[in-house]
Amino acid sequence: MPNILPTQTVPDFTVPLIDGGQFQLSQRLGENFTLLLFYRGVHCPICKMQLRDLQRKLGDFAERGITVVAISMDSKERAEKSVEEWGIDDLLLGYGLGEDLARDMGLYISSGRPGSKEPSIFSEPAMLLVRPDQTLYFASIQSMPFTRPPLDELLKGIDFALENDYPARGELAKAD
């Protein structure tokens, strides 16, 4: 069961950015939404494809008043490797997400497989759309690296939500 239900406040947090700055949620909320895209790390080829696609669509999100950041539990060195190898230098890229915060956000946590390039611990992928009042609007939190929501479909859903003042759904789920 998710830790944060739609319409509930998303905890404020700060992570360092690869460009030397910081991303603090409460200080970077978008006009309409903030997209928090949590990715597994530089070891994940599916993350590479997803983040490249996200970078190509940054203008589409900006046109809709959406701030976008991608965040992982990777170290600074691993995050820098993502930027260099994946060509995602226009994307706000946060790193060093702590395990406690990842758990507070409701992310699934995995341990690295022996003999793989995976770090000893990392979060699985997730996308959270946060409203300007810092409440959760949409969440896709995954326990596996595959079958991610297509960004084009997300953009269509956002268009519908904005045009129709569509409310957050799932707010009645019982959190334990």
N, C-alpha and C. Protein backbone atom coordinates (compact mmCIF):
# COMPACT_ATOMS: atom_id res chain seq x y z
N MET A 1 0.85 -1.18 0.00
CA MET A 1 0.00 0.00 0.00
C MET A 1 0.89 1.24 0.00
N PRO A 2 0.55 2.24 -0.79
CA PRO A 2 1.39 3.45 -0.86
C PRO A 2 1.42 4.20 0.46
N ASN A 3 2.51 4.91 0.68
CA ASN A 3 2.64 5.72 1.89
C ASN A 3 1.90 7.04 1.77
N ILE A 4 1.84 7.58 0.58
CA ILE A 4 1.19 8.86 0.34
C ILE A 4 0.01 8.63 -0.60
N LEU A 5 -1.16 9.01 -0.16
CA LEU A 5 -2.34 8.87 -1.01
C LEU A 5 -2.57 10.16 -1.80
N PRO A 6 -3.23 10.04 -2.95
CA PRO A 6 -3.60 11.25 -3.68
C PRO A 6 -4.36 12.22 -2.77
N THR A 7 -4.10 13.48 -2.93
CA THR A 7 -4.60 14.63 -2.17
C THR A 7 -3.85 14.84 -0.85
N GLN A 8 -2.97 13.92 -0.46
CA GLN A 8 -2.17 14.12 0.75
C GLN A 8 -0.88 14.87 0.39
N THR A 9 -0.31 15.54 1.38
CA THR A 9 0.92 16.31 1.17
C THR A 9 2.10 15.38 0.95
N VAL A 10 2.87 15.69 -0.07
CA VAL A 10 4.12 14.98 -0.35
C VAL A 10 5.19 15.60 0.55
N PRO A 11 5.95 14.79 1.27
CA PRO A 11 6.97 15.36 2.15
C PRO A 11 7.97 16.23 1.38
N ASP A 12 8.33 17.34 2.00
CA ASP A 12 9.35 18.18 1.39
C ASP A 12 10.69 17.46 1.51
N PHE A 13 11.53 17.61 0.52
CA PHE A 13 12.85 16.98 0.55
C PHE A 13 13.79 17.79 -0.32
N THR A 14 15.06 17.56 -0.12
CA THR A 14 16.11 18.19 -0.91
C THR A 14 17.10 17.12 -1.34
N VAL A 15 17.47 17.15 -2.62
CA VAL A 15 18.55 16.29 -3.13
C VAL A 15 19.51 17.16 -3.92
N PRO A 16 20.79 16.78 -3.94
CA PRO A 16 21.73 17.52 -4.78
C PRO A 16 21.47 17.23 -6.25
N LEU A 17 21.77 18.22 -7.08
CA LEU A 17 21.65 18.08 -8.53
C LEU A 17 23.04 17.95 -9.14
N ILE A 18 23.10 17.25 -10.24
CA ILE A 18 24.36 17.00 -10.90
C ILE A 18 25.02 18.30 -11.38
N ASP A 19 24.22 19.36 -11.59
CA ASP A 19 24.79 20.63 -12.04
C ASP A 19 25.38 21.45 -10.88
N GLY A 20 25.37 20.90 -9.67
CA GLY A 20 25.92 21.58 -8.52
C GLY A 20 24.88 22.26 -7.65
N GLY A 21 23.67 22.39 -8.13
CA GLY A 21 22.60 23.00 -7.35
C GLY A 21 21.89 21.98 -6.47
N GLN A 22 20.71 22.36 -6.03
CA GLN A 22 19.87 21.48 -5.23
C GLN A 22 18.45 21.52 -5.75
N PHE A 23 17.75 20.43 -5.56
CA PHE A 23 16.32 20.40 -5.84
C PHE A 23 15.61 20.24 -4.50
N GLN A 24 14.87 21.28 -4.11
CA GLN A 24 14.01 21.20 -2.94
C GLN A 24 12.59 21.29 -3.44
N LEU A 25 11.81 20.27 -3.17
CA LEU A 25 10.46 20.19 -3.73
C LEU A 25 9.67 21.46 -3.48
N SER A 26 9.61 21.93 -2.25
CA SER A 26 8.78 23.09 -1.93
C SER A 26 9.22 24.37 -2.65
N GLN A 27 10.47 24.41 -3.11
CA GLN A 27 10.99 25.59 -3.79
C GLN A 27 10.95 25.48 -5.31
N ARG A 28 10.58 24.31 -5.82
CA ARG A 28 10.60 24.11 -7.28
C ARG A 28 9.27 23.58 -7.81
N LEU A 29 8.20 23.84 -7.10
CA LEU A 29 6.90 23.36 -7.55
C LEU A 29 6.50 24.05 -8.84
N GLY A 30 6.02 23.27 -9.81
CA GLY A 30 5.62 23.82 -11.10
C GLY A 30 4.30 24.56 -11.03
N GLU A 31 4.04 25.33 -12.07
CA GLU A 31 2.79 26.10 -12.15
C GLU A 31 1.57 25.19 -12.07
N ASN A 32 1.62 24.04 -12.77
CA ASN A 32 0.51 23.09 -12.74
C ASN A 32 0.85 21.79 -12.01
N PHE A 33 2.04 21.30 -12.22
CA PHE A 33 2.49 20.06 -11.58
C PHE A 33 4.00 20.05 -11.49
N THR A 34 4.51 19.15 -10.68
CA THR A 34 5.92 18.79 -10.66
C THR A 34 5.98 17.30 -10.90
N LEU A 35 6.75 16.88 -11.88
CA LEU A 35 6.94 15.46 -12.15
C LEU A 35 8.22 15.00 -11.47
N LEU A 36 8.06 14.11 -10.50
CA LEU A 36 9.19 13.47 -9.84
C LEU A 36 9.34 12.10 -10.47
N LEU A 37 10.38 11.91 -11.24
CA LEU A 37 10.62 10.62 -11.87
C LEU A 37 11.79 9.97 -11.14
N PHE A 38 11.50 8.91 -10.42
CA PHE A 38 12.53 8.18 -9.70
C PHE A 38 13.01 7.04 -10.59
N TYR A 39 14.32 6.97 -10.79
CA TYR A 39 14.87 5.92 -11.64
C TYR A 39 15.88 5.08 -10.87
N ARG A 40 16.14 3.89 -11.37
CA ARG A 40 16.94 2.90 -10.66
C ARG A 40 18.41 3.26 -10.56
N GLY A 41 18.97 3.86 -11.60
CA GLY A 41 20.38 4.24 -11.59
C GLY A 41 21.04 3.93 -12.91
N VAL A 42 22.32 4.25 -12.99
CA VAL A 42 23.08 4.14 -14.23
C VAL A 42 23.16 2.70 -14.73
N HIS A 43 22.96 1.74 -13.88
CA HIS A 43 23.05 0.33 -14.28
C HIS A 43 21.85 -0.12 -15.11
N CYS A 44 20.80 0.69 -15.19
CA CYS A 44 19.53 0.25 -15.78
C CYS A 44 19.35 0.74 -17.21
N PRO A 45 19.38 -0.17 -18.21
CA PRO A 45 19.20 0.25 -19.61
C PRO A 45 17.80 0.77 -19.91
N ILE A 46 16.79 0.33 -19.17
CA ILE A 46 15.43 0.84 -19.39
C ILE A 46 15.35 2.28 -18.90
N CYS A 47 16.04 2.58 -17.79
CA CYS A 47 16.09 3.96 -17.29
C CYS A 47 16.74 4.87 -18.32
N LYS A 48 17.78 4.37 -18.96
CA LYS A 48 18.46 5.15 -20.00
C LYS A 48 17.48 5.56 -21.08
N MET A 49 16.68 4.62 -21.57
CA MET A 49 15.70 4.92 -22.62
C MET A 49 14.65 5.89 -22.10
N GLN A 50 14.18 5.67 -20.88
CA GLN A 50 13.14 6.51 -20.31
C GLN A 50 13.63 7.95 -20.11
N LEU A 51 14.82 8.11 -19.59
CA LEU A 51 15.34 9.46 -19.34
C LEU A 51 15.70 10.18 -20.63
N ARG A 52 16.17 9.46 -21.63
CA ARG A 52 16.39 10.09 -22.93
C ARG A 52 15.08 10.58 -23.52
N ASP A 53 14.04 9.77 -23.41
CA ASP A 53 12.71 10.17 -23.88
C ASP A 53 12.21 11.38 -23.09
N LEU A 54 12.42 11.36 -21.80
CA LEU A 54 12.00 12.48 -20.97
C LEU A 54 12.71 13.76 -21.38
N GLN A 55 14.00 13.67 -21.63
CA GLN A 55 14.74 14.87 -22.07
C GLN A 55 14.18 15.41 -23.38
N ARG A 56 13.84 14.51 -24.32
CA ARG A 56 13.27 14.96 -25.60
C ARG A 56 11.93 15.68 -25.41
N LYS A 57 11.23 15.35 -24.33
CA LYS A 57 9.88 15.90 -24.10
C LYS A 57 9.86 17.02 -23.05
N LEU A 58 11.03 17.48 -22.62
CA LEU A 58 11.07 18.54 -21.60
C LEU A 58 10.27 19.76 -22.02
N GLY A 59 10.34 20.14 -23.29
CA GLY A 59 9.57 21.28 -23.79
C GLY A 59 8.08 21.06 -23.68
N ASP A 60 7.63 19.83 -23.95
CA ASP A 60 6.20 19.50 -23.83
C ASP A 60 5.72 19.67 -22.39
N PHE A 61 6.55 19.24 -21.44
CA PHE A 61 6.19 19.40 -20.04
C PHE A 61 6.22 20.87 -19.65
N ALA A 62 7.23 21.60 -20.08
CA ALA A 62 7.35 23.02 -19.75
C ALA A 62 6.16 23.81 -20.28
N GLU A 63 5.70 23.49 -21.51
CA GLU A 63 4.53 24.16 -22.09
C GLU A 63 3.30 24.00 -21.22
N ARG A 64 3.24 22.93 -20.46
CA ARG A 64 2.09 22.64 -19.60
C ARG A 64 2.30 23.14 -18.17
N GLY A 65 3.38 23.86 -17.94
CA GLY A 65 3.64 24.38 -16.60
C GLY A 65 4.07 23.31 -15.62
N ILE A 66 4.89 22.37 -16.10
CA ILE A 66 5.32 21.25 -15.27
C ILE A 66 6.83 21.28 -15.09
N THR A 67 7.25 21.30 -13.85
CA THR A 67 8.66 21.17 -13.51
C THR A 67 8.99 19.68 -13.51
N VAL A 68 10.13 19.31 -14.07
CA VAL A 68 10.52 17.91 -14.19
C VAL A 68 11.88 17.69 -13.53
N VAL A 69 11.98 16.63 -12.73
CA VAL A 69 13.26 16.22 -12.17
C VAL A 69 13.31 14.70 -12.14
N ALA A 70 14.47 14.15 -12.45
CA ALA A 70 14.72 12.71 -12.34
C ALA A 70 15.67 12.50 -11.17
N ILE A 71 15.38 11.52 -10.33
CA ILE A 71 16.12 11.33 -9.08
C ILE A 71 16.44 9.85 -8.89
N SER A 72 17.66 9.59 -8.39
CA SER A 72 18.04 8.21 -8.06
C SER A 72 18.79 8.18 -6.74
N MET A 73 19.03 6.98 -6.28
CA MET A 73 19.85 6.76 -5.09
C MET A 73 21.33 6.68 -5.46
N ASP A 74 21.65 6.84 -6.74
CA ASP A 74 23.04 6.78 -7.19
C ASP A 74 23.91 7.81 -6.48
N SER A 75 25.20 7.51 -6.41
CA SER A 75 26.19 8.46 -5.93
C SER A 75 26.37 9.54 -7.00
N LYS A 76 27.07 10.61 -6.64
CA LYS A 76 27.35 11.67 -7.61
C LYS A 76 28.12 11.10 -8.80
N GLU A 77 29.09 10.24 -8.56
CA GLU A 77 29.90 9.67 -9.64
C GLU A 77 29.04 8.84 -10.59
N ARG A 78 28.14 8.05 -10.05
CA ARG A 78 27.25 7.24 -10.90
C ARG A 78 26.29 8.13 -11.67
N ALA A 79 25.77 9.17 -11.03
CA ALA A 79 24.86 10.10 -11.70
C ALA A 79 25.58 10.84 -12.83
N GLU A 80 26.82 11.25 -12.59
CA GLU A 80 27.61 11.90 -13.64
C GLU A 80 27.81 10.96 -14.83
N LYS A 81 28.00 9.69 -14.54
CA LYS A 81 28.15 8.70 -15.60
C LYS A 81 26.87 8.59 -16.43
N SER A 82 25.72 8.68 -15.77
CA SER A 82 24.43 8.68 -16.49
C SER A 82 24.36 9.84 -17.47
N VAL A 83 24.72 11.02 -17.01
CA VAL A 83 24.66 12.21 -17.87
C VAL A 83 25.59 12.03 -19.06
N GLU A 84 26.81 11.60 -18.80
CA GLU A 84 27.81 11.45 -19.87
C GLU A 84 27.43 10.36 -20.86
N GLU A 85 27.07 9.20 -20.37
CA GLU A 85 26.80 8.05 -21.25
C GLU A 85 25.43 8.11 -21.91
N TRP A 86 24.47 8.75 -21.26
CA TRP A 86 23.11 8.76 -21.78
C TRP A 86 22.78 10.03 -22.55
N GLY A 87 23.62 11.06 -22.46
CA GLY A 87 23.34 12.31 -23.17
C GLY A 87 22.10 13.02 -22.64
N ILE A 88 21.99 13.14 -21.33
CA ILE A 88 20.81 13.76 -20.72
C ILE A 88 21.18 15.03 -19.96
N ASP A 89 22.01 15.84 -20.55
CA ASP A 89 22.53 17.00 -19.85
C ASP A 89 21.56 18.16 -19.71
N ASP A 90 20.39 18.13 -20.34
CA ASP A 90 19.38 19.18 -20.18
C ASP A 90 18.40 18.87 -19.05
N LEU A 91 18.40 17.66 -18.58
CA LEU A 91 17.45 17.19 -17.58
C LEU A 91 17.96 17.52 -16.18
N LEU A 92 17.08 18.04 -15.32
CA LEU A 92 17.43 18.20 -13.91
C LEU A 92 17.61 16.80 -13.35
N LEU A 93 18.81 16.50 -12.87
CA LEU A 93 19.11 15.15 -12.41
C LEU A 93 19.59 15.19 -10.97
N GLY A 94 18.77 14.63 -10.09
CA GLY A 94 19.10 14.55 -8.68
C GLY A 94 19.69 13.20 -8.35
N TYR A 95 20.53 13.18 -7.33
CA TYR A 95 21.18 11.94 -6.92
C TYR A 95 21.26 11.90 -5.39
N GLY A 96 21.68 10.77 -4.88
CA GLY A 96 21.88 10.64 -3.44
C GLY A 96 20.60 10.55 -2.64
N LEU A 97 19.50 10.13 -3.27
CA LEU A 97 18.26 9.93 -2.54
C LEU A 97 18.51 8.90 -1.44
N GLY A 98 18.20 9.24 -0.22
CA GLY A 98 18.42 8.33 0.90
C GLY A 98 17.35 7.25 0.97
N GLU A 99 17.72 6.13 1.54
CA GLU A 99 16.78 5.01 1.66
C GLU A 99 15.55 5.38 2.48
N ASP A 100 15.73 6.11 3.57
CA ASP A 100 14.58 6.49 4.39
C ASP A 100 13.59 7.35 3.61
N LEU A 101 14.11 8.32 2.86
CA LEU A 101 13.23 9.17 2.06
C LEU A 101 12.57 8.36 0.95
N ALA A 102 13.31 7.46 0.32
CA ALA A 102 12.72 6.61 -0.72
C ALA A 102 11.56 5.80 -0.14
N ARG A 103 11.74 5.29 1.04
CA ARG A 103 10.66 4.53 1.70
C ARG A 103 9.49 5.45 2.05
N ASP A 104 9.79 6.67 2.53
CA ASP A 104 8.73 7.63 2.85
C ASP A 104 7.91 7.98 1.62
N MET A 105 8.55 7.98 0.47
CA MET A 105 7.85 8.29 -0.78
C MET A 105 7.09 7.08 -1.32
N GLY A 106 7.23 5.94 -0.66
CA GLY A 106 6.52 4.73 -1.07
C GLY A 106 7.22 3.94 -2.15
N LEU A 107 8.50 4.21 -2.40
CA LEU A 107 9.23 3.50 -3.44
C LEU A 107 9.61 2.10 -2.99
N TYR A 108 9.62 1.18 -3.92
CA TYR A 108 10.13 -0.16 -3.65
C TYR A 108 11.65 -0.09 -3.64
N ILE A 109 12.26 -0.84 -2.75
CA ILE A 109 13.71 -0.85 -2.60
C ILE A 109 14.21 -2.26 -2.93
N SER A 110 15.29 -2.33 -3.71
CA SER A 110 15.87 -3.62 -4.09
C SER A 110 17.34 -3.68 -3.68
N SER A 111 17.83 -4.90 -3.52
CA SER A 111 19.25 -5.11 -3.29
C SER A 111 19.89 -5.55 -4.60
N GLY A 112 21.14 -5.18 -4.77
CA GLY A 112 21.85 -5.54 -5.99
C GLY A 112 22.06 -7.04 -6.09
N ARG A 113 22.00 -7.53 -7.30
CA ARG A 113 22.24 -8.96 -7.55
C ARG A 113 23.74 -9.22 -7.55
N PRO A 114 24.17 -10.28 -6.93
CA PRO A 114 25.61 -10.61 -6.93
C PRO A 114 26.14 -10.74 -8.37
N GLY A 115 27.29 -10.13 -8.61
CA GLY A 115 27.91 -10.21 -9.93
C GLY A 115 27.37 -9.23 -10.96
N SER A 116 26.36 -8.43 -10.57
CA SER A 116 25.80 -7.45 -11.52
C SER A 116 26.44 -6.09 -11.30
N LYS A 117 26.09 -5.14 -12.16
CA LYS A 117 26.57 -3.77 -12.01
C LYS A 117 25.65 -2.95 -11.10
N GLU A 118 24.66 -3.61 -10.51
CA GLU A 118 23.73 -2.92 -9.61
C GLU A 118 24.43 -2.52 -8.32
N PRO A 119 24.07 -1.35 -7.76
CA PRO A 119 24.62 -1.00 -6.45
C PRO A 119 24.02 -1.92 -5.39
N SER A 120 24.54 -1.84 -4.19
CA SER A 120 24.08 -2.75 -3.12
C SER A 120 22.61 -2.52 -2.79
N ILE A 121 22.13 -1.29 -2.94
CA ILE A 121 20.72 -0.97 -2.68
C ILE A 121 20.29 0.18 -3.58
N PHE A 122 19.06 0.11 -4.09
CA PHE A 122 18.55 1.15 -4.98
C PHE A 122 17.03 1.09 -5.00
N SER A 123 16.41 2.18 -5.45
CA SER A 123 14.95 2.20 -5.55
C SER A 123 14.52 1.76 -6.94
N GLU A 124 13.34 1.21 -7.00
CA GLU A 124 12.72 0.85 -8.27
C GLU A 124 12.03 2.09 -8.85
N PRO A 125 11.63 2.05 -10.12
CA PRO A 125 11.10 3.25 -10.77
C PRO A 125 9.74 3.70 -10.23
N ALA A 126 9.54 4.99 -10.34
CA ALA A 126 8.26 5.59 -9.96
C ALA A 126 8.12 6.94 -10.63
N MET A 127 6.86 7.35 -10.82
CA MET A 127 6.54 8.69 -11.28
C MET A 127 5.48 9.24 -10.35
N LEU A 128 5.73 10.43 -9.83
CA LEU A 128 4.75 11.12 -9.00
C LEU A 128 4.49 12.48 -9.61
N LEU A 129 3.21 12.83 -9.76
CA LEU A 129 2.83 14.18 -10.16
C LEU A 129 2.33 14.89 -8.92
N VAL A 130 2.97 16.00 -8.62
CA VAL A 130 2.66 16.76 -7.42
C VAL A 130 2.04 18.09 -7.83
N ARG A 131 0.94 18.45 -7.18
CA ARG A 131 0.27 19.73 -7.46
C ARG A 131 1.07 20.89 -6.86
N PRO A 132 0.78 22.12 -7.28
CA PRO A 132 1.48 23.28 -6.73
C PRO A 132 1.30 23.47 -5.22
N ASP A 133 0.26 22.86 -4.64
CA ASP A 133 0.08 22.93 -3.19
C ASP A 133 0.82 21.80 -2.47
N GLN A 134 1.64 21.08 -3.22
CA GLN A 134 2.50 19.99 -2.73
C GLN A 134 1.71 18.74 -2.33
N THR A 135 0.52 18.57 -2.90
CA THR A 135 -0.23 17.34 -2.68
C THR A 135 -0.06 16.41 -3.87
N LEU A 136 -0.19 15.13 -3.60
CA LEU A 136 -0.03 14.12 -4.64
C LEU A 136 -1.26 14.09 -5.54
N TYR A 137 -1.03 14.13 -6.85
CA TYR A 137 -2.10 14.02 -7.82
C TYR A 137 -2.13 12.64 -8.47
N PHE A 138 -0.96 12.13 -8.82
CA PHE A 138 -0.84 10.87 -9.58
C PHE A 138 0.39 10.14 -9.10
N ALA A 139 0.28 8.81 -9.03
CA ALA A 139 1.44 8.00 -8.67
C ALA A 139 1.46 6.71 -9.48
N SER A 140 2.63 6.41 -10.00
CA SER A 140 2.90 5.11 -10.61
C SER A 140 4.18 4.61 -9.95
N ILE A 141 4.03 3.67 -9.04
CA ILE A 141 5.15 3.17 -8.25
C ILE A 141 5.31 1.70 -8.60
N GLN A 142 6.49 1.33 -9.08
CA GLN A 142 6.70 -0.01 -9.61
C GLN A 142 7.67 -0.82 -8.77
N SER A 143 7.46 -2.13 -8.79
CA SER A 143 8.37 -3.04 -8.10
C SER A 143 9.35 -3.71 -9.05
N MET A 144 9.19 -3.47 -10.33
CA MET A 144 10.04 -4.06 -11.37
C MET A 144 10.49 -2.97 -12.34
N PRO A 145 11.58 -3.20 -13.05
CA PRO A 145 12.09 -2.15 -13.94
C PRO A 145 11.33 -2.01 -15.27
N PHE A 146 10.53 -2.99 -15.64
CA PHE A 146 9.92 -2.93 -16.96
C PHE A 146 8.47 -2.44 -16.93
N THR A 147 7.93 -2.17 -18.12
CA THR A 147 6.56 -1.73 -18.34
C THR A 147 6.28 -0.39 -17.65
N ARG A 148 6.98 0.64 -18.07
CA ARG A 148 6.81 1.98 -17.51
C ARG A 148 5.71 2.74 -18.25
N PRO A 149 5.02 3.63 -17.57
CA PRO A 149 3.99 4.42 -18.26
C PRO A 149 4.63 5.27 -19.37
N PRO A 150 4.10 5.19 -20.58
CA PRO A 150 4.64 6.00 -21.68
C PRO A 150 4.44 7.49 -21.40
N LEU A 151 5.46 8.28 -21.64
CA LEU A 151 5.39 9.71 -21.37
C LEU A 151 4.36 10.41 -22.25
N ASP A 152 4.17 9.95 -23.49
CA ASP A 152 3.15 10.55 -24.35
C ASP A 152 1.76 10.35 -23.75
N GLU A 153 1.51 9.18 -23.19
CA GLU A 153 0.22 8.92 -22.54
C GLU A 153 0.06 9.78 -21.29
N LEU A 154 1.14 9.96 -20.55
CA LEU A 154 1.09 10.83 -19.37
C LEU A 154 0.75 12.25 -19.79
N LEU A 155 1.38 12.75 -20.84
CA LEU A 155 1.09 14.10 -21.32
C LEU A 155 -0.37 14.24 -21.75
N LYS A 156 -0.92 13.22 -22.43
CA LYS A 156 -2.34 13.25 -22.82
C LYS A 156 -3.23 13.29 -21.58
N GLY A 157 -2.89 12.50 -20.59
CA GLY A 157 -3.66 12.50 -19.35
C GLY A 157 -3.60 13.84 -18.63
N ILE A 158 -2.43 14.45 -18.64
CA ILE A 158 -2.27 15.77 -18.02
C ILE A 158 -3.12 16.80 -18.76
N ASP A 159 -3.11 16.74 -20.10
CA ASP A 159 -3.94 17.66 -20.89
C ASP A 159 -5.41 17.51 -20.50
N PHE A 160 -5.88 16.26 -20.42
CA PHE A 160 -7.27 16.02 -20.04
C PHE A 160 -7.55 16.56 -18.64
N ALA A 161 -6.66 16.27 -17.71
CA ALA A 161 -6.85 16.72 -16.33
C ALA A 161 -6.92 18.24 -16.24
N LEU A 162 -6.02 18.93 -16.96
CA LEU A 162 -6.01 20.39 -16.91
C LEU A 162 -7.24 20.99 -17.59
N GLU A 163 -7.63 20.43 -18.73
CA GLU A 163 -8.78 20.95 -19.46
C GLU A 163 -10.10 20.72 -18.73
N ASN A 164 -10.17 19.65 -17.96
CA ASN A 164 -11.44 19.26 -17.32
C ASN A 164 -11.43 19.40 -15.81
N ASP A 165 -10.40 20.03 -15.26
CA ASP A 165 -10.28 20.17 -13.81
C ASP A 165 -10.54 18.82 -13.13
N TYR A 166 -9.90 17.79 -13.69
CA TYR A 166 -10.12 16.42 -13.23
C TYR A 166 -9.45 16.21 -11.87
N PRO A 167 -10.19 15.67 -10.91
CA PRO A 167 -9.64 15.52 -9.56
C PRO A 167 -8.67 14.34 -9.46
N ALA A 168 -7.86 14.38 -8.42
CA ALA A 168 -6.99 13.24 -8.11
C ALA A 168 -7.88 12.03 -7.80
N ARG A 169 -7.45 10.87 -8.18
CA ARG A 169 -8.22 9.64 -7.96
C ARG A 169 -7.44 8.75 -7.01
N GLY A 170 -8.14 7.86 -6.30
CA GLY A 170 -7.50 6.92 -5.40
C GLY A 170 -7.34 7.45 -3.99
N GLU A 171 -7.92 8.57 -3.71
CA GLU A 171 -7.77 9.22 -2.42
C GLU A 171 -8.45 8.47 -1.27
N LEU A 172 -9.31 7.51 -1.60
CA LEU A 172 -10.03 6.78 -0.56
C LEU A 172 -9.34 5.48 -0.15
N ALA A 173 -8.22 5.16 -0.80
CA ALA A 173 -7.48 3.94 -0.45
C ALA A 173 -7.03 4.06 1.00
N LYS A 174 -7.04 2.93 1.67
CA LYS A 174 -6.63 2.93 3.09
C LYS A 174 -5.14 2.70 3.19
N ALA A 175 -4.41 3.65 3.75
CA ALA A 175 -2.97 3.49 3.97
C ALA A 175 -2.74 2.89 5.34
N ASP A 176 -1.82 1.96 5.39
CA ASP A 176 -1.48 1.33 6.69
C ASP A 176 -0.34 2.03 7.35
